[in-house]
Amino acid sequence: MKVILVEKVPTLGNVGEIVNVSQGYGRNYLIPNKKAVLADDAHKTELENNKKRLSKKMEGEKKEALAIKKKVEGLTLEFVKKVGASGKLFGTVTTAELSKHLGEKGITVERRVLALSEPIKRVGSYTVKAKLFTDIEADFQVKVVMDPKQAEELKAKQEKAAKKALEKKEAKGDDAETPKEEAKVMTEEEKLKAEADKILRS
C-alpha cells in the first residue's frame, strides 16, 4: 500500500514522501501512530491537503538536510584496516560503519541514505553519496589505508626474507636464482609491499 509520511521515519523516508509499505505495517503501525496517511487514488484530495499541511514541516526537514550537506560535502573519512595477502580487507566497510563514523564527528546521517558506487573491500579512495532529502545530495570521500603496524610487520618480514635469500646465494657461492618456492612466498608478500611502503613514506 502507498502512504505519505507525515513524520520522518528512519527506515522509510522524509516528511511528505510517498512510500510503499506492507498492509500490516501501514494499517497497524504507521497510520494509527499518525506517522503516515493513506496515499492511494481514492485519497487524492486528502493527499493534496496533507501535502499543504506538511509544507512547513517539509521546509524544516529541507533546511536540516541543507545544513547537513554543508558539513558532509567534500569531507574525507579515513579508515585504518587490516589487509589480507590478496590486498583485500578483512570484511568490508559498510554504510552502518560510515553512518557511525559520521555520528562520531557530530553529523547525523542515517545509513539508508548512503549509497556506495562500489563495495569498499580494498585499500583506496571511494566516493559515497548521501541522499539527504528530495533533490538534496552530498558527496564525500572514504579513504581506506593499511594498518601502519601491519605495514611495518610486512616490511620487516620482506627484508628478512630478502636477507635470507641473499645468505643462501652466498652460501652456495654462485648467483643461482632464488628457488621457485621461496620466490613464490616473496611474490605473495610483494602484493602488499608497495602499499606498505607508501604508508611508511607518508
N, C-alpha and C. Protein backbone atom coordinates (compact mmCIF):
# COMPACT_ATOMS: atom_id res chain seq x y z
N MET A 1 0.84 -1.21 0.00
CA MET A 1 0.00 0.00 0.00
C MET A 1 0.88 1.26 0.00
N LYS A 2 0.35 2.33 -0.58
CA LYS A 2 1.10 3.59 -0.63
C LYS A 2 0.63 4.51 0.50
N VAL A 3 1.62 5.11 1.18
CA VAL A 3 1.29 6.07 2.23
C VAL A 3 2.17 7.30 2.05
N ILE A 4 1.68 8.43 2.59
CA ILE A 4 2.51 9.64 2.60
C ILE A 4 2.97 9.86 4.04
N LEU A 5 4.25 10.02 4.22
CA LEU A 5 4.81 10.18 5.56
C LEU A 5 4.52 11.57 6.11
N VAL A 6 3.99 11.61 7.32
CA VAL A 6 3.73 12.90 7.97
C VAL A 6 4.79 13.17 9.05
N GLU A 7 5.66 12.19 9.23
CA GLU A 7 6.81 12.33 10.11
C GLU A 7 7.99 11.65 9.44
N LYS A 8 9.19 12.05 9.83
CA LYS A 8 10.38 11.39 9.29
C LYS A 8 10.48 10.00 9.93
N VAL A 9 10.52 8.98 9.11
CA VAL A 9 10.66 7.60 9.60
C VAL A 9 12.01 7.07 9.12
N PRO A 10 12.97 6.87 10.05
CA PRO A 10 14.33 6.47 9.67
C PRO A 10 14.44 5.35 8.66
N THR A 11 13.60 4.33 8.79
CA THR A 11 13.71 3.18 7.88
C THR A 11 13.01 3.40 6.54
N LEU A 12 12.23 4.50 6.44
CA LEU A 12 11.44 4.70 5.22
C LEU A 12 11.77 5.95 4.42
N GLY A 13 11.71 7.11 5.08
CA GLY A 13 11.97 8.34 4.33
C GLY A 13 11.63 9.59 5.11
N ASN A 14 11.60 10.72 4.39
CA ASN A 14 11.36 12.02 4.99
C ASN A 14 9.90 12.43 4.93
N VAL A 15 9.59 13.50 5.63
CA VAL A 15 8.23 14.06 5.64
C VAL A 15 7.79 14.39 4.23
N GLY A 16 6.56 13.99 3.89
CA GLY A 16 6.00 14.31 2.58
C GLY A 16 6.30 13.30 1.50
N GLU A 17 7.16 12.34 1.77
CA GLU A 17 7.49 11.33 0.75
C GLU A 17 6.40 10.26 0.68
N ILE A 18 6.14 9.81 -0.55
CA ILE A 18 5.18 8.72 -0.75
C ILE A 18 5.99 7.44 -0.84
N VAL A 19 5.65 6.47 0.03
CA VAL A 19 6.40 5.21 0.07
C VAL A 19 5.47 4.01 0.01
N ASN A 20 5.99 2.90 -0.46
CA ASN A 20 5.24 1.64 -0.47
C ASN A 20 5.58 0.85 0.78
N VAL A 21 4.55 0.42 1.51
CA VAL A 21 4.76 -0.39 2.71
C VAL A 21 3.79 -1.57 2.69
N SER A 22 4.04 -2.53 3.56
CA SER A 22 3.12 -3.67 3.64
C SER A 22 1.82 -3.22 4.29
N GLN A 23 0.73 -3.92 4.00
CA GLN A 23 -0.59 -3.59 4.58
C GLN A 23 -0.52 -3.56 6.10
N GLY A 24 0.10 -4.60 6.67
CA GLY A 24 0.16 -4.70 8.13
C GLY A 24 0.92 -3.55 8.76
N TYR A 25 2.08 -3.22 8.19
CA TYR A 25 2.92 -2.14 8.73
C TYR A 25 2.20 -0.80 8.63
N GLY A 26 1.54 -0.59 7.48
CA GLY A 26 0.82 0.67 7.27
C GLY A 26 -0.39 0.81 8.18
N ARG A 27 -1.25 -0.21 8.20
CA ARG A 27 -2.51 -0.12 8.96
C ARG A 27 -2.35 -0.33 10.46
N ASN A 28 -1.35 -1.12 10.85
CA ASN A 28 -1.18 -1.42 12.28
C ASN A 28 -0.19 -0.52 13.01
N TYR A 29 0.69 0.15 12.23
CA TYR A 29 1.69 0.96 12.91
C TYR A 29 1.74 2.41 12.41
N LEU A 30 2.00 2.60 11.12
CA LEU A 30 2.20 3.96 10.60
C LEU A 30 0.97 4.85 10.74
N ILE A 31 -0.18 4.38 10.24
CA ILE A 31 -1.39 5.21 10.26
C ILE A 31 -1.93 5.43 11.69
N PRO A 32 -2.07 4.36 12.53
CA PRO A 32 -2.56 4.58 13.89
C PRO A 32 -1.66 5.50 14.73
N ASN A 33 -0.35 5.46 14.46
CA ASN A 33 0.59 6.29 15.23
C ASN A 33 0.82 7.66 14.59
N LYS A 34 -0.03 7.98 13.59
CA LYS A 34 -0.01 9.28 12.91
C LYS A 34 1.37 9.61 12.30
N LYS A 35 2.02 8.57 11.83
CA LYS A 35 3.30 8.76 11.15
C LYS A 35 3.11 8.83 9.63
N ALA A 36 1.92 8.40 9.17
CA ALA A 36 1.62 8.41 7.74
C ALA A 36 0.11 8.41 7.52
N VAL A 37 -0.29 8.81 6.30
CA VAL A 37 -1.70 8.75 5.90
C VAL A 37 -1.77 8.00 4.57
N LEU A 38 -2.92 7.45 4.29
CA LEU A 38 -3.13 6.71 3.06
C LEU A 38 -2.90 7.61 1.85
N ALA A 39 -2.29 7.06 0.80
CA ALA A 39 -1.98 7.87 -0.38
C ALA A 39 -2.37 7.16 -1.67
N ASP A 40 -3.48 6.40 -1.63
CA ASP A 40 -3.91 5.73 -2.85
C ASP A 40 -4.83 6.65 -3.67
N ASP A 41 -5.27 6.18 -4.84
CA ASP A 41 -6.08 7.01 -5.74
C ASP A 41 -7.35 7.53 -5.10
N ALA A 42 -7.92 6.76 -4.18
CA ALA A 42 -9.18 7.16 -3.54
C ALA A 42 -8.99 8.31 -2.57
N HIS A 43 -7.75 8.59 -2.24
CA HIS A 43 -7.49 9.66 -1.26
C HIS A 43 -6.64 10.79 -1.85
N LYS A 44 -6.81 11.05 -3.14
CA LYS A 44 -6.03 12.10 -3.80
C LYS A 44 -6.22 13.47 -3.15
N THR A 45 -7.46 13.79 -2.86
CA THR A 45 -7.75 15.10 -2.25
C THR A 45 -7.11 15.19 -0.88
N GLU A 46 -7.26 14.11 -0.12
CA GLU A 46 -6.67 14.08 1.23
C GLU A 46 -5.15 14.19 1.14
N LEU A 47 -4.59 13.55 0.12
CA LEU A 47 -3.15 13.58 -0.11
C LEU A 47 -2.68 15.01 -0.36
N GLU A 48 -3.38 15.73 -1.23
CA GLU A 48 -3.01 17.12 -1.54
C GLU A 48 -3.14 18.01 -0.31
N ASN A 49 -4.23 17.81 0.46
CA ASN A 49 -4.42 18.60 1.68
C ASN A 49 -3.30 18.35 2.69
N ASN A 50 -2.94 17.07 2.79
CA ASN A 50 -1.87 16.71 3.72
C ASN A 50 -0.53 17.29 3.29
N LYS A 51 -0.31 17.31 1.97
CA LYS A 51 0.94 17.89 1.45
C LYS A 51 1.05 19.36 1.83
N LYS A 52 -0.11 20.08 1.69
CA LYS A 52 -0.13 21.51 2.05
C LYS A 52 0.12 21.68 3.54
N ARG A 53 -0.54 20.83 4.31
CA ARG A 53 -0.42 20.91 5.78
C ARG A 53 1.01 20.60 6.22
N LEU A 54 1.67 19.74 5.44
CA LEU A 54 3.02 19.32 5.79
C LEU A 54 4.12 20.21 5.23
N SER A 55 3.74 21.19 4.44
CA SER A 55 4.74 22.02 3.75
C SER A 55 5.73 22.67 4.72
N LYS A 56 5.24 23.18 5.87
CA LYS A 56 6.13 23.83 6.83
C LYS A 56 7.09 22.80 7.44
N LYS A 57 6.52 21.64 7.73
CA LYS A 57 7.33 20.57 8.31
C LYS A 57 8.40 20.13 7.30
N MET A 58 7.98 20.03 6.04
CA MET A 58 8.90 19.63 4.98
C MET A 58 10.01 20.66 4.80
N GLU A 59 9.63 21.94 4.93
CA GLU A 59 10.60 23.02 4.80
C GLU A 59 11.66 22.92 5.89
N GLY A 60 11.22 22.57 7.09
CA GLY A 60 12.14 22.40 8.21
C GLY A 60 13.11 21.26 7.97
N GLU A 61 12.57 20.15 7.45
CA GLU A 61 13.41 18.99 7.14
C GLU A 61 14.41 19.33 6.04
N LYS A 62 13.95 20.14 5.09
CA LYS A 62 14.81 20.54 3.97
C LYS A 62 15.98 21.39 4.46
N LYS A 63 15.68 22.33 5.37
CA LYS A 63 16.73 23.19 5.92
C LYS A 63 17.76 22.36 6.68
N GLU A 64 17.26 21.38 7.41
CA GLU A 64 18.15 20.49 8.17
C GLU A 64 19.05 19.70 7.22
N ALA A 65 18.46 19.23 6.11
CA ALA A 65 19.22 18.48 5.11
C ALA A 65 20.29 19.35 4.48
N LEU A 66 19.97 20.61 4.21
CA LEU A 66 20.95 21.54 3.62
C LEU A 66 22.10 21.82 4.59
N ALA A 67 21.76 21.90 5.88
CA ALA A 67 22.80 22.13 6.90
C ALA A 67 23.74 20.94 6.97
N ILE A 68 23.17 19.73 6.88
CA ILE A 68 23.99 18.51 6.91
C ILE A 68 24.86 18.44 5.65
N LYS A 69 24.27 18.85 4.52
CA LYS A 69 25.02 18.83 3.25
C LYS A 69 26.29 19.67 3.36
N LYS A 70 26.19 20.85 4.00
CA LYS A 70 27.36 21.73 4.15
C LYS A 70 28.47 21.04 4.94
N LYS A 71 28.07 20.23 5.93
CA LYS A 71 29.06 19.54 6.76
C LYS A 71 29.67 18.33 6.04
N VAL A 72 28.84 17.65 5.25
CA VAL A 72 29.27 16.40 4.61
C VAL A 72 30.02 16.61 3.30
N GLU A 73 29.55 17.57 2.49
CA GLU A 73 30.12 17.80 1.16
C GLU A 73 31.63 18.02 1.22
N GLY A 74 32.37 17.19 0.50
CA GLY A 74 33.82 17.34 0.44
C GLY A 74 34.58 16.75 1.61
N LEU A 75 33.87 16.17 2.56
CA LEU A 75 34.51 15.57 3.74
C LEU A 75 35.25 14.28 3.34
N THR A 76 36.33 13.97 4.05
CA THR A 76 37.05 12.72 3.81
C THR A 76 37.11 11.93 5.12
N LEU A 77 36.57 10.73 5.09
CA LEU A 77 36.65 9.84 6.26
C LEU A 77 37.78 8.85 6.01
N GLU A 78 38.63 8.66 7.01
CA GLU A 78 39.74 7.72 6.84
C GLU A 78 39.56 6.50 7.74
N PHE A 79 39.73 5.33 7.16
CA PHE A 79 39.63 4.08 7.91
C PHE A 79 40.96 3.34 7.82
N VAL A 80 41.46 2.89 8.97
CA VAL A 80 42.69 2.09 9.02
C VAL A 80 42.27 0.64 9.21
N LYS A 81 42.64 -0.22 8.24
CA LYS A 81 42.17 -1.60 8.25
C LYS A 81 43.31 -2.61 8.07
N LYS A 82 43.07 -3.81 8.56
CA LYS A 82 43.98 -4.93 8.32
C LYS A 82 43.70 -5.44 6.91
N VAL A 83 44.76 -5.81 6.21
CA VAL A 83 44.63 -6.24 4.82
C VAL A 83 45.16 -7.66 4.64
N GLY A 84 44.45 -8.47 3.85
CA GLY A 84 44.88 -9.83 3.57
C GLY A 84 45.95 -9.88 2.50
N ALA A 85 46.52 -11.07 2.28
CA ALA A 85 47.60 -11.25 1.31
C ALA A 85 47.19 -10.87 -0.11
N SER A 86 45.91 -10.99 -0.41
CA SER A 86 45.43 -10.67 -1.76
C SER A 86 45.19 -9.18 -1.95
N GLY A 87 45.39 -8.40 -0.88
CA GLY A 87 45.14 -6.95 -0.96
C GLY A 87 43.74 -6.57 -0.54
N LYS A 88 42.91 -7.57 -0.22
CA LYS A 88 41.53 -7.31 0.21
C LYS A 88 41.47 -7.08 1.71
N LEU A 89 40.48 -6.29 2.13
CA LEU A 89 40.28 -6.05 3.55
C LEU A 89 39.67 -7.28 4.20
N PHE A 90 39.87 -7.41 5.51
CA PHE A 90 39.17 -8.45 6.26
C PHE A 90 37.78 -7.91 6.56
N GLY A 91 36.83 -8.19 5.67
CA GLY A 91 35.49 -7.61 5.78
C GLY A 91 35.40 -6.35 4.93
N THR A 92 34.20 -5.80 4.81
CA THR A 92 34.01 -4.58 4.01
C THR A 92 33.66 -3.41 4.92
N VAL A 93 33.84 -2.20 4.41
CA VAL A 93 33.41 -1.01 5.13
C VAL A 93 31.94 -0.80 4.75
N THR A 94 31.05 -0.91 5.71
CA THR A 94 29.60 -0.86 5.44
C THR A 94 29.02 0.54 5.63
N THR A 95 27.79 0.72 5.14
CA THR A 95 27.11 2.02 5.31
C THR A 95 26.84 2.26 6.80
N ALA A 96 26.63 1.19 7.57
CA ALA A 96 26.41 1.33 9.01
C ALA A 96 27.66 1.91 9.68
N GLU A 97 28.83 1.42 9.23
CA GLU A 97 30.10 1.91 9.77
C GLU A 97 30.33 3.37 9.39
N LEU A 98 29.97 3.70 8.15
CA LEU A 98 30.11 5.09 7.69
C LEU A 98 29.20 6.01 8.50
N SER A 99 27.95 5.57 8.71
CA SER A 99 26.98 6.37 9.48
C SER A 99 27.49 6.59 10.91
N LYS A 100 28.05 5.54 11.51
CA LYS A 100 28.59 5.63 12.87
C LYS A 100 29.77 6.60 12.92
N HIS A 101 30.65 6.51 11.91
CA HIS A 101 31.84 7.37 11.84
C HIS A 101 31.43 8.85 11.71
N LEU A 102 30.41 9.11 10.89
CA LEU A 102 29.90 10.48 10.73
C LEU A 102 29.31 10.96 12.05
N GLY A 103 28.59 10.06 12.74
CA GLY A 103 27.99 10.41 14.04
C GLY A 103 29.04 10.81 15.06
N GLU A 104 30.20 10.15 15.01
CA GLU A 104 31.30 10.48 15.93
C GLU A 104 31.86 11.87 15.66
N LYS A 105 31.60 12.36 14.45
CA LYS A 105 32.04 13.72 14.09
C LYS A 105 30.91 14.73 14.31
N GLY A 106 29.81 14.26 14.92
CA GLY A 106 28.69 15.14 15.22
C GLY A 106 27.76 15.37 14.03
N ILE A 107 27.83 14.49 13.01
CA ILE A 107 26.97 14.62 11.83
C ILE A 107 26.05 13.40 11.76
N THR A 108 24.75 13.64 11.93
CA THR A 108 23.79 12.53 11.90
C THR A 108 23.30 12.27 10.49
N VAL A 109 23.72 11.13 9.95
CA VAL A 109 23.28 10.70 8.62
C VAL A 109 22.91 9.23 8.71
N GLU A 110 21.65 8.92 8.40
CA GLU A 110 21.19 7.54 8.50
C GLU A 110 21.85 6.68 7.43
N ARG A 111 22.10 5.43 7.77
CA ARG A 111 22.77 4.52 6.83
C ARG A 111 21.96 4.31 5.56
N ARG A 112 20.62 4.36 5.66
CA ARG A 112 19.77 4.08 4.50
C ARG A 112 19.92 5.12 3.39
N VAL A 113 20.41 6.34 3.74
CA VAL A 113 20.55 7.38 2.72
C VAL A 113 21.93 7.37 2.07
N LEU A 114 22.82 6.48 2.54
CA LEU A 114 24.17 6.42 1.98
C LEU A 114 24.23 5.41 0.83
N ALA A 115 24.77 5.84 -0.29
CA ALA A 115 24.87 4.98 -1.47
C ALA A 115 26.32 4.85 -1.91
N LEU A 116 26.80 3.61 -2.02
CA LEU A 116 28.17 3.34 -2.44
C LEU A 116 28.20 3.04 -3.93
N SER A 117 29.16 3.62 -4.64
CA SER A 117 29.29 3.35 -6.07
C SER A 117 29.81 1.93 -6.29
N GLU A 118 30.55 1.40 -5.30
CA GLU A 118 31.07 0.04 -5.34
C GLU A 118 31.36 -0.40 -3.91
N PRO A 119 31.34 -1.71 -3.63
CA PRO A 119 31.63 -2.17 -2.27
C PRO A 119 33.06 -1.79 -1.86
N ILE A 120 33.22 -1.37 -0.61
CA ILE A 120 34.55 -0.98 -0.13
C ILE A 120 35.23 -2.21 0.46
N LYS A 121 36.02 -2.89 -0.39
CA LYS A 121 36.67 -4.14 0.01
C LYS A 121 38.19 -4.09 -0.05
N ARG A 122 38.73 -2.98 -0.58
CA ARG A 122 40.20 -2.86 -0.72
C ARG A 122 40.67 -1.50 -0.23
N VAL A 123 41.98 -1.36 -0.04
CA VAL A 123 42.53 -0.05 0.29
C VAL A 123 42.34 0.85 -0.93
N GLY A 124 42.20 2.14 -0.68
CA GLY A 124 42.00 3.08 -1.78
C GLY A 124 41.01 4.16 -1.40
N SER A 125 40.63 4.98 -2.38
CA SER A 125 39.68 6.07 -2.16
C SER A 125 38.35 5.77 -2.85
N TYR A 126 37.27 6.11 -2.18
CA TYR A 126 35.93 5.84 -2.70
C TYR A 126 35.05 7.08 -2.51
N THR A 127 34.07 7.23 -3.42
CA THR A 127 33.11 8.32 -3.30
C THR A 127 31.78 7.75 -2.80
N VAL A 128 31.23 8.40 -1.78
CA VAL A 128 29.94 7.97 -1.22
C VAL A 128 28.94 9.11 -1.39
N LYS A 129 27.74 8.76 -1.80
CA LYS A 129 26.68 9.75 -1.99
C LYS A 129 25.67 9.65 -0.85
N ALA A 130 25.37 10.80 -0.24
CA ALA A 130 24.35 10.84 0.81
C ALA A 130 23.10 11.52 0.24
N LYS A 131 22.01 10.77 0.14
CA LYS A 131 20.75 11.32 -0.38
C LYS A 131 19.94 11.83 0.81
N LEU A 132 20.16 13.10 1.14
CA LEU A 132 19.65 13.67 2.39
C LEU A 132 18.18 14.05 2.37
N PHE A 133 17.68 14.45 1.21
CA PHE A 133 16.28 14.86 1.09
C PHE A 133 15.95 14.83 -0.40
N THR A 134 14.70 15.07 -0.75
CA THR A 134 14.33 15.11 -2.16
C THR A 134 15.17 16.18 -2.85
N ASP A 135 15.94 15.78 -3.86
CA ASP A 135 16.81 16.68 -4.64
C ASP A 135 17.96 17.30 -3.84
N ILE A 136 18.24 16.77 -2.67
CA ILE A 136 19.40 17.26 -1.90
C ILE A 136 20.35 16.09 -1.64
N GLU A 137 21.52 16.17 -2.27
CA GLU A 137 22.52 15.11 -2.13
C GLU A 137 23.88 15.72 -1.81
N ALA A 138 24.73 14.93 -1.18
CA ALA A 138 26.09 15.39 -0.87
C ALA A 138 27.06 14.24 -1.10
N ASP A 139 28.20 14.54 -1.70
CA ASP A 139 29.24 13.54 -1.93
C ASP A 139 30.38 13.74 -0.94
N PHE A 140 30.89 12.63 -0.42
CA PHE A 140 32.09 12.72 0.43
C PHE A 140 33.00 11.54 0.11
N GLN A 141 34.24 11.63 0.55
CA GLN A 141 35.24 10.62 0.22
C GLN A 141 35.51 9.69 1.40
N VAL A 142 35.81 8.47 1.07
CA VAL A 142 36.23 7.49 2.08
C VAL A 142 37.60 6.98 1.65
N LYS A 143 38.58 7.13 2.53
CA LYS A 143 39.94 6.67 2.24
C LYS A 143 40.25 5.50 3.17
N VAL A 144 40.60 4.36 2.58
CA VAL A 144 40.93 3.17 3.37
C VAL A 144 42.43 2.89 3.23
N VAL A 145 43.12 2.86 4.35
CA VAL A 145 44.56 2.62 4.33
C VAL A 145 44.91 1.39 5.16
N MET A 146 46.06 0.79 4.86
CA MET A 146 46.51 -0.37 5.61
C MET A 146 46.98 0.07 7.00
N ASP A 147 46.72 -0.76 7.98
CA ASP A 147 47.18 -0.53 9.35
C ASP A 147 48.70 -0.35 9.33
N PRO A 148 49.22 0.82 9.78
CA PRO A 148 50.67 1.08 9.74
C PRO A 148 51.49 0.01 10.46
N LYS A 149 50.92 -0.55 11.55
CA LYS A 149 51.62 -1.60 12.30
C LYS A 149 51.80 -2.84 11.42
N GLN A 150 50.72 -3.16 10.67
CA GLN A 150 50.79 -4.30 9.75
C GLN A 150 51.79 -4.02 8.64
N ALA A 151 51.81 -2.76 8.16
CA ALA A 151 52.74 -2.37 7.10
C ALA A 151 54.19 -2.53 7.56
N GLU A 152 54.46 -2.13 8.82
CA GLU A 152 55.81 -2.27 9.39
C GLU A 152 56.21 -3.75 9.47
N GLU A 153 55.23 -4.58 9.92
CA GLU A 153 55.49 -6.02 10.05
C GLU A 153 55.80 -6.64 8.68
N LEU A 154 55.05 -6.21 7.67
CA LEU A 154 55.25 -6.73 6.31
C LEU A 154 56.62 -6.33 5.77
N LYS A 155 56.99 -5.08 6.06
CA LYS A 155 58.28 -4.60 5.58
C LYS A 155 59.42 -5.38 6.23
N ALA A 156 59.28 -5.60 7.56
CA ALA A 156 60.31 -6.35 8.29
C ALA A 156 60.40 -7.78 7.78
N LYS A 157 59.24 -8.38 7.52
CA LYS A 157 59.19 -9.75 7.01
C LYS A 157 59.84 -9.83 5.62
N GLN A 158 59.55 -8.81 4.81
CA GLN A 158 60.10 -8.77 3.45
C GLN A 158 61.62 -8.64 3.48
N GLU A 159 62.11 -7.75 4.37
CA GLU A 159 63.55 -7.55 4.49
C GLU A 159 64.25 -8.82 4.99
N LYS A 160 63.58 -9.51 5.94
CA LYS A 160 64.13 -10.75 6.50
C LYS A 160 64.21 -11.83 5.41
N ALA A 161 63.16 -11.92 4.60
CA ALA A 161 63.12 -12.91 3.51
C ALA A 161 64.20 -12.61 2.47
N ALA A 162 64.40 -11.31 2.17
CA ALA A 162 65.41 -10.91 1.18
C ALA A 162 66.81 -11.23 1.70
N LYS A 163 67.03 -10.98 3.01
CA LYS A 163 68.33 -11.24 3.64
C LYS A 163 68.63 -12.74 3.62
N LYS A 164 67.58 -13.52 3.91
CA LYS A 164 67.73 -14.99 3.94
C LYS A 164 68.09 -15.51 2.54
N ALA A 165 67.43 -14.95 1.52
CA ALA A 165 67.69 -15.36 0.14
C ALA A 165 69.14 -15.03 -0.25
N LEU A 166 69.61 -13.86 0.18
CA LEU A 166 70.98 -13.43 -0.12
C LEU A 166 72.00 -14.34 0.56
N GLU A 167 71.71 -14.69 1.81
CA GLU A 167 72.61 -15.58 2.56
C GLU A 167 72.72 -16.95 1.89
N LYS A 168 71.59 -17.43 1.37
CA LYS A 168 71.57 -18.72 0.68
C LYS A 168 72.43 -18.67 -0.57
N LYS A 169 72.31 -17.54 -1.29
CA LYS A 169 73.10 -17.37 -2.52
C LYS A 169 74.59 -17.39 -2.19
N GLU A 170 74.96 -16.64 -1.13
CA GLU A 170 76.36 -16.54 -0.74
C GLU A 170 76.90 -17.89 -0.25
N ALA A 171 76.03 -18.62 0.46
CA ALA A 171 76.43 -19.94 0.97
C ALA A 171 76.71 -20.91 -0.17
N LYS A 172 75.93 -20.80 -1.24
CA LYS A 172 76.12 -21.66 -2.42
C LYS A 172 77.33 -21.23 -3.24
N GLY A 173 77.72 -19.99 -3.06
CA GLY A 173 78.88 -19.47 -3.76
C GLY A 173 78.65 -19.22 -5.23
N ASP A 174 77.38 -19.10 -5.62
CA ASP A 174 77.08 -18.77 -7.02
C ASP A 174 75.94 -17.79 -7.09
N ASP A 175 75.57 -17.41 -8.29
CA ASP A 175 74.49 -16.45 -8.49
C ASP A 175 73.20 -17.14 -8.89
N ALA A 176 73.00 -18.34 -8.37
CA ALA A 176 71.77 -19.09 -8.71
C ALA A 176 70.55 -18.30 -8.29
N GLU A 177 69.52 -18.47 -9.04
CA GLU A 177 68.27 -17.75 -8.75
C GLU A 177 67.63 -18.32 -7.50
N THR A 178 66.82 -17.52 -6.86
CA THR A 178 66.09 -17.96 -5.67
C THR A 178 65.21 -19.14 -6.05
N PRO A 179 65.16 -20.19 -5.23
CA PRO A 179 64.29 -21.34 -5.54
C PRO A 179 62.87 -20.89 -5.78
N LYS A 180 62.17 -21.65 -6.63
CA LYS A 180 60.80 -21.26 -7.03
C LYS A 180 59.88 -21.11 -5.83
N GLU A 181 60.00 -22.03 -4.87
CA GLU A 181 59.11 -21.99 -3.70
C GLU A 181 59.30 -20.70 -2.93
N GLU A 182 60.59 -20.32 -2.73
CA GLU A 182 60.90 -19.10 -1.99
C GLU A 182 60.45 -17.87 -2.78
N ALA A 183 60.65 -17.92 -4.07
CA ALA A 183 60.25 -16.81 -4.94
C ALA A 183 58.75 -16.60 -4.86
N LYS A 184 58.01 -17.70 -4.73
CA LYS A 184 56.54 -17.62 -4.66
C LYS A 184 56.12 -16.89 -3.39
N VAL A 185 56.80 -17.21 -2.25
CA VAL A 185 56.49 -16.55 -0.98
C VAL A 185 56.74 -15.06 -1.10
N MET A 186 57.85 -14.72 -1.72
CA MET A 186 58.20 -13.32 -1.92
C MET A 186 57.15 -12.62 -2.77
N THR A 187 56.68 -13.30 -3.80
CA THR A 187 55.71 -12.70 -4.71
C THR A 187 54.40 -12.39 -4.00
N GLU A 188 53.95 -13.31 -3.13
CA GLU A 188 52.71 -13.09 -2.38
C GLU A 188 52.84 -11.87 -1.46
N GLU A 189 53.99 -11.76 -0.82
CA GLU A 189 54.19 -10.64 0.08
C GLU A 189 54.39 -9.34 -0.69
N GLU A 190 54.92 -9.49 -1.90
CA GLU A 190 55.16 -8.32 -2.74
C GLU A 190 53.87 -7.56 -3.05
N LYS A 191 52.76 -8.31 -3.07
CA LYS A 191 51.46 -7.69 -3.38
C LYS A 191 51.13 -6.58 -2.39
N LEU A 192 51.61 -6.74 -1.16
CA LEU A 192 51.31 -5.73 -0.13
C LEU A 192 52.46 -4.75 0.10
N LYS A 193 53.65 -5.12 -0.41
CA LYS A 193 54.83 -4.29 -0.13
C LYS A 193 54.68 -2.85 -0.62
N ALA A 194 54.17 -2.69 -1.82
CA ALA A 194 54.01 -1.35 -2.39
C ALA A 194 53.12 -0.49 -1.50
N GLU A 195 52.00 -1.07 -1.04
CA GLU A 195 51.08 -0.33 -0.19
C GLU A 195 51.73 -0.02 1.15
N ALA A 196 52.48 -0.98 1.68
CA ALA A 196 53.17 -0.78 2.97
C ALA A 196 54.19 0.35 2.86
N ASP A 197 54.98 0.34 1.78
CA ASP A 197 55.98 1.39 1.56
C ASP A 197 55.35 2.75 1.44
N LYS A 198 54.21 2.79 0.75
CA LYS A 198 53.50 4.06 0.55
C LYS A 198 53.08 4.66 1.90
N ILE A 199 52.56 3.79 2.78
CA ILE A 199 52.11 4.24 4.11
C ILE A 199 53.30 4.73 4.93
N LEU A 200 54.39 3.97 4.89
CA LEU A 200 55.57 4.32 5.69
C LEU A 200 56.22 5.61 5.22
N ARG A 201 56.10 5.89 3.93
CA ARG A 201 56.70 7.14 3.39
C ARG A 201 55.85 8.36 3.68
N SER A 202 54.51 8.13 3.85
CA SER A 202 53.60 9.27 4.05
C SER A 202 53.68 9.81 5.46
